[in-house]
C-alpha atoms as a PDB file:
ATOM      1  CA  MET A   1      77.184  40.101  30.566  1.00  0.00           C
ATOM      2  CA  LYS A   2      74.080  40.172  30.607  1.00  0.00           C
ATOM      3  CA  LYS A   3      72.529  43.829  31.908  1.00  0.00           C
ATOM      4  CA  ILE A   4      69.492  42.923  34.579  1.00  0.00           C
ATOM      5  CA  LYS A   5      66.066  44.620  34.246  1.00  0.00           C
ATOM      6  CA  LYS A   6      64.713  46.879  36.619  1.00  0.00           C
ATOM      7  CA  ILE A   7      60.741  47.217  36.572  1.00  0.00           C
ATOM      8  CA  LYS A   8      58.905  49.186  38.552  1.00  0.00           C
ATOM      9  CA  ILE A   9      56.101  48.384  40.895  1.00  0.00           C
ATOM     10  CA  ARG A  10      53.998  49.909  43.026  1.00  0.00           C
ATOM     11  CA  VAL A  11      53.085  47.903  47.030  1.00  0.00           C
ATOM     12  CA  ASN A  12      50.571  49.466  48.878  1.00  0.00           C
ATOM     13  CA  GLY A  13      50.911  52.700  46.839  1.00  0.00           C
ATOM     14  CA  LYS A  14      54.575  53.560  47.127  1.00  0.00           C
ATOM     15  CA  VAL A  15      56.754  52.410  43.644  1.00  0.00           C
ATOM     16  CA  LYS A  16      59.196  50.058  44.377  1.00  0.00           C
ATOM     17  CA  THR A  17      61.666  49.133  42.014  1.00  0.00           C
ATOM     18  CA  VAL A  18      62.333  45.155  41.810  1.00  0.00           C
ATOM     19  CA  THR A  19      64.689  43.341  39.031  1.00  0.00           C
ATOM     20  CA  GLU A  20      62.084  41.765  36.322  1.00  0.00           C
ATOM     21  CA  LYS A  21      62.248  38.276  36.966  1.00  0.00           C
ATOM     22  CA  THR A  22      61.113  38.908  40.768  1.00  0.00           C
ATOM     23  CA  SER A  23      58.510  36.354  41.956  1.00  0.00           C
ATOM     24  CA  LEU A  24      55.446  37.356  43.897  1.00  0.00           C
ATOM     25  CA  PHE A  25      56.950  35.260  46.952  1.00  0.00           C
ATOM     26  CA  LYS A  26      60.720  37.048  46.660  1.00  0.00           C
ATOM     27  CA  LEU A  27      58.919  39.964  47.350  1.00  0.00           C
ATOM     28  CA  THR A  28      57.048  38.983  49.950  1.00  0.00           C
ATOM     29  CA  ASN A  29      59.937  37.242  51.603  1.00  0.00           C
ATOM     30  CA  ASN A  30      62.391  40.272  50.828  1.00  0.00           C
ATOM     31  CA  LEU A  31      59.915  42.892  52.349  1.00  0.00           C
ATOM     32  CA  LYS A  32      59.955  39.960  55.591  1.00  0.00           C
ATOM     33  CA  ILE A  33      56.263  39.563  55.110  1.00  0.00           C
ATOM     34  CA  PRO A  34      54.346  36.949  57.617  1.00  0.00           C
ATOM     35  CA  LEU A  35      52.217  35.081  54.837  1.00  0.00           C
ATOM     36  CA  LYS A  36      49.904  33.617  57.473  1.00  0.00           C
ATOM     37  CA  LYS A  37      48.624  36.682  58.553  1.00  0.00           C
ATOM     38  CA  VAL A  38      48.110  38.571  55.178  1.00  0.00           C
ATOM     39  CA  ALA A  39      45.688  38.822  52.207  1.00  0.00           C
ATOM     40  CA  ILE A  40      47.721  39.443  48.592  1.00  0.00           C
ATOM     41  CA  GLU A  41      46.046  41.300  45.855  1.00  0.00           C
ATOM     42  CA  LEU A  42      47.836  41.988  42.567  1.00  0.00           C
ATOM     43  CA  ASN A  43      45.843  43.909  40.077  1.00  0.00           C
ATOM     44  CA  GLN A  44      42.611  43.751  42.117  1.00  0.00           C
ATOM     45  CA  LYS A  45      42.862  40.072  42.146  1.00  0.00           C
ATOM     46  CA  ILE A  46      43.454  38.140  45.600  1.00  0.00           C
ATOM     47  CA  VAL A  47      45.956  36.362  44.184  1.00  0.00           C
ATOM     48  CA  ASN A  48      46.161  31.876  45.773  1.00  0.00           C
ATOM     49  CA  LYS A  49      49.240  32.094  48.339  1.00  0.00           C
ATOM     50  CA  LYS A  50      50.528  28.686  47.023  1.00  0.00           C
ATOM     51  CA  LYS A  51      51.244  30.396  43.519  1.00  0.00           C
ATOM     52  CA  LEU A  52      53.466  32.965  44.696  1.00  0.00           C
ATOM     53  CA  THR A  53      56.563  31.270  43.630  1.00  0.00           C
ATOM     54  CA  LYS A  54      54.545  31.072  40.113  1.00  0.00           C
ATOM     55  CA  ILE A  55      53.476  34.514  39.961  1.00  0.00           C
ATOM     56  CA  TYR A  56      56.204  37.005  38.078  1.00  0.00           C
ATOM     57  CA  LEU A  57      55.881  40.700  38.367  1.00  0.00           C
ATOM     58  CA  LYS A  58      55.444  42.886  35.437  1.00  0.00           C
ATOM     59  CA  LYS A  59      55.675  46.278  34.659  1.00  0.00           C
ATOM     60  CA  ASN A  60      53.276  48.716  36.642  1.00  0.00           C
ATOM     61  CA  ASP A  61      51.824  45.778  38.459  1.00  0.00           C
ATOM     62  CA  LYS A  62      49.876  46.653  41.171  1.00  0.00           C
ATOM     63  CA  ILE A  63      50.152  44.601  44.778  1.00  0.00           C
ATOM     64  CA  GLU A  64      47.984  45.516  48.083  1.00  0.00           C
ATOM     65  CA  ILE A  65      49.364  43.586  51.048  1.00  0.00           C
ATOM     66  CA  VAL A  66      46.473  43.334  53.693  1.00  0.00           C
ATOM     67  CA  HIS A  67      47.433  42.704  57.407  1.00  0.00           C
ATOM     68  CA  PHE A  68      45.049  40.795  59.208  1.00  0.00           C
ATOM     69  CA  ILE A  69      44.450  41.779  62.782  1.00  0.00           C
ATOM     70  CA  GLY A  70      42.391  39.847  65.094  1.00  0.00           C
ATOM     71  CA  GLY A  71      39.480  41.550  67.252  1.00  0.00           C
ATOM     72  CA  GLY A  72      36.366  40.578  68.921  1.00  0.00           C
END
């Protein structure tokens, strides 16, 4: 049986442990993030949301998820 490797990442400043082959899409899905209402930054670069399923998290990645708030 192959052991599933865990890695530590940081989401909005909090350390989270995920499995090694977790995509950014899977992470946002697990955290129940409404993708239409957020901007996602990975290691200080804005992520194109169309590519979330192709971006796999690596050890020590820093993810910032910023919610849009309407106002006027």
